[in-house]
Amino acid sequence: MAIDWFTYIKGFYENGLWTKKQVHDVVAVGRITSEQYEEITGDPYDPDNPPSEDIA
């Protein structure tokens, strides 16, 4: 059974367990799409400008 990365990552972010930087990083490795990043964080995905580590 395939892992639903979007659901897991969205939950981690919404519960304060992950930062925007961590969510940004999983787009780069293909776990979620840039559109899903925007849905989770509310910010557009910019591959050349990752968010600061302390922004949640």
N, C-alpha and C. Protein backbone atom coordinates (compact mmCIF):
# COMPACT_ATOMS: atom_id res chain seq x y z
N MET A 1 0.84 -1.18 0.00
CA MET A 1 0.00 0.00 0.00
C MET A 1 0.89 1.24 0.00
N ALA A 2 0.56 2.19 -0.86
CA ALA A 2 1.34 3.42 -0.97
C ALA A 2 1.06 4.35 0.21
N ILE A 3 2.09 5.07 0.59
CA ILE A 3 1.96 6.05 1.67
C ILE A 3 1.36 7.34 1.11
N ASP A 4 0.39 7.89 1.80
CA ASP A 4 -0.21 9.17 1.42
C ASP A 4 0.59 10.29 2.08
N TRP A 5 1.69 10.66 1.43
CA TRP A 5 2.60 11.65 2.01
C TRP A 5 1.91 12.97 2.28
N PHE A 6 1.03 13.39 1.38
CA PHE A 6 0.35 14.67 1.55
C PHE A 6 -0.40 14.72 2.88
N THR A 7 -1.16 13.70 3.17
CA THR A 7 -1.94 13.67 4.42
C THR A 7 -1.03 13.67 5.64
N TYR A 8 0.02 12.87 5.61
CA TYR A 8 0.96 12.83 6.74
C TYR A 8 1.63 14.19 6.95
N ILE A 9 2.16 14.75 5.88
CA ILE A 9 2.90 16.00 5.99
C ILE A 9 1.99 17.15 6.39
N LYS A 10 0.79 17.18 5.84
CA LYS A 10 -0.19 18.22 6.20
C LYS A 10 -0.50 18.14 7.69
N GLY A 11 -0.69 16.94 8.20
CA GLY A 11 -0.95 16.76 9.63
C GLY A 11 0.23 17.19 10.49
N PHE A 12 1.44 16.82 10.07
CA PHE A 12 2.63 17.23 10.82
C PHE A 12 2.72 18.75 10.89
N TYR A 13 2.49 19.41 9.77
CA TYR A 13 2.58 20.87 9.72
C TYR A 13 1.48 21.52 10.56
N GLU A 14 0.26 21.06 10.39
CA GLU A 14 -0.87 21.65 11.12
C GLU A 14 -0.76 21.47 12.63
N ASN A 15 -0.09 20.41 13.05
CA ASN A 15 0.09 20.15 14.48
C ASN A 15 1.38 20.75 15.03
N GLY A 16 2.07 21.55 14.23
CA GLY A 16 3.27 22.23 14.69
C GLY A 16 4.49 21.34 14.80
N LEU A 17 4.44 20.16 14.18
CA LEU A 17 5.56 19.24 14.26
C LEU A 17 6.59 19.48 13.16
N TRP A 18 6.18 20.12 12.09
CA TRP A 18 7.07 20.44 10.97
C TRP A 18 7.04 21.93 10.70
N THR A 19 8.16 22.46 10.21
CA THR A 19 8.26 23.85 9.78
C THR A 19 7.96 23.95 8.28
N LYS A 20 7.77 25.17 7.81
CA LYS A 20 7.60 25.38 6.37
C LYS A 20 8.83 24.90 5.60
N LYS A 21 10.00 25.05 6.20
CA LYS A 21 11.24 24.60 5.56
C LYS A 21 11.20 23.09 5.35
N GLN A 22 10.73 22.35 6.33
CA GLN A 22 10.65 20.90 6.19
C GLN A 22 9.66 20.51 5.09
N VAL A 23 8.53 21.19 5.04
CA VAL A 23 7.55 20.92 3.99
C VAL A 23 8.16 21.28 2.63
N HIS A 24 8.86 22.39 2.55
CA HIS A 24 9.54 22.82 1.32
C HIS A 24 10.52 21.74 0.86
N ASP A 25 11.27 21.18 1.78
CA ASP A 25 12.29 20.19 1.44
C ASP A 25 11.70 18.92 0.83
N VAL A 26 10.50 18.52 1.26
CA VAL A 26 9.92 17.28 0.72
C VAL A 26 9.36 17.48 -0.69
N VAL A 27 9.12 18.73 -1.09
CA VAL A 27 8.76 18.97 -2.49
C VAL A 27 9.96 18.63 -3.36
N ALA A 28 11.14 19.05 -2.93
CA ALA A 28 12.37 18.84 -3.70
C ALA A 28 12.68 17.36 -3.92
N VAL A 29 12.26 16.51 -3.00
CA VAL A 29 12.52 15.07 -3.15
C VAL A 29 11.33 14.32 -3.73
N GLY A 30 10.28 15.05 -4.08
CA GLY A 30 9.17 14.45 -4.79
C GLY A 30 8.09 13.79 -3.95
N ARG A 31 8.06 14.05 -2.66
CA ARG A 31 7.02 13.45 -1.82
C ARG A 31 5.66 14.14 -1.99
N ILE A 32 5.69 15.47 -2.22
CA ILE A 32 4.47 16.23 -2.50
C ILE A 32 4.78 17.19 -3.65
N THR A 33 3.73 17.75 -4.24
CA THR A 33 3.90 18.69 -5.35
C THR A 33 3.99 20.13 -4.83
N SER A 34 4.38 21.02 -5.71
CA SER A 34 4.43 22.43 -5.33
C SER A 34 3.02 22.96 -5.04
N GLU A 35 2.03 22.43 -5.72
CA GLU A 35 0.64 22.82 -5.45
C GLU A 35 0.21 22.36 -4.06
N GLN A 36 0.63 21.16 -3.68
CA GLN A 36 0.31 20.65 -2.34
C GLN A 36 1.03 21.46 -1.26
N TYR A 37 2.26 21.89 -1.54
CA TYR A 37 2.98 22.77 -0.61
C TYR A 37 2.16 24.02 -0.34
N GLU A 38 1.65 24.62 -1.41
CA GLU A 38 0.85 25.84 -1.27
C GLU A 38 -0.43 25.56 -0.48
N GLU A 39 -1.05 24.41 -0.73
CA GLU A 39 -2.26 24.06 0.01
C GLU A 39 -1.97 23.88 1.50
N ILE A 40 -0.85 23.28 1.82
CA ILE A 40 -0.49 23.02 3.22
C ILE A 40 -0.10 24.31 3.94
N THR A 41 0.76 25.10 3.32
CA THR A 41 1.34 26.26 4.01
C THR A 41 0.63 27.58 3.73
N GLY A 42 -0.09 27.65 2.61
CA GLY A 42 -0.72 28.91 2.22
C GLY A 42 0.22 29.84 1.47
N ASP A 43 1.45 29.40 1.26
CA ASP A 43 2.45 30.20 0.55
C ASP A 43 2.81 29.55 -0.78
N PRO A 44 3.16 30.34 -1.79
CA PRO A 44 3.61 29.75 -3.05
C PRO A 44 4.96 29.07 -2.86
N TYR A 45 5.19 28.00 -3.61
CA TYR A 45 6.46 27.28 -3.55
C TYR A 45 7.47 27.95 -4.46
N ASP A 46 8.62 28.29 -3.92
CA ASP A 46 9.72 28.87 -4.69
C ASP A 46 10.95 28.00 -4.46
N PRO A 47 11.33 27.21 -5.47
CA PRO A 47 12.46 26.29 -5.28
C PRO A 47 13.78 27.00 -4.99
N ASP A 48 13.88 28.26 -5.38
CA ASP A 48 15.13 29.00 -5.19
C ASP A 48 15.17 29.82 -3.91
N ASN A 49 14.08 29.81 -3.15
CA ASN A 49 14.01 30.63 -1.94
C ASN A 49 13.28 29.88 -0.83
N PRO A 50 13.94 28.90 -0.21
CA PRO A 50 13.27 28.17 0.87
C PRO A 50 13.01 29.07 2.07
N PRO A 51 11.94 28.80 2.81
CA PRO A 51 11.65 29.60 3.99
C PRO A 51 12.68 29.37 5.09
N SER A 52 12.75 30.31 6.01
CA SER A 52 13.63 30.15 7.17
C SER A 52 13.18 28.97 8.00
N GLU A 53 14.11 28.34 8.67
CA GLU A 53 13.80 27.15 9.48
C GLU A 53 12.82 27.44 10.60
N ASP A 54 12.83 28.66 11.12
CA ASP A 54 12.00 28.96 12.29
C ASP A 54 10.58 29.40 11.95
N ILE A 55 10.23 29.46 10.67
CA ILE A 55 8.87 29.87 10.28
C ILE A 55 7.98 28.64 10.22
N ALA A 56 6.88 28.69 10.95
CA ALA A 56 5.94 27.56 10.92
C ALA A 56 4.59 28.04 10.45
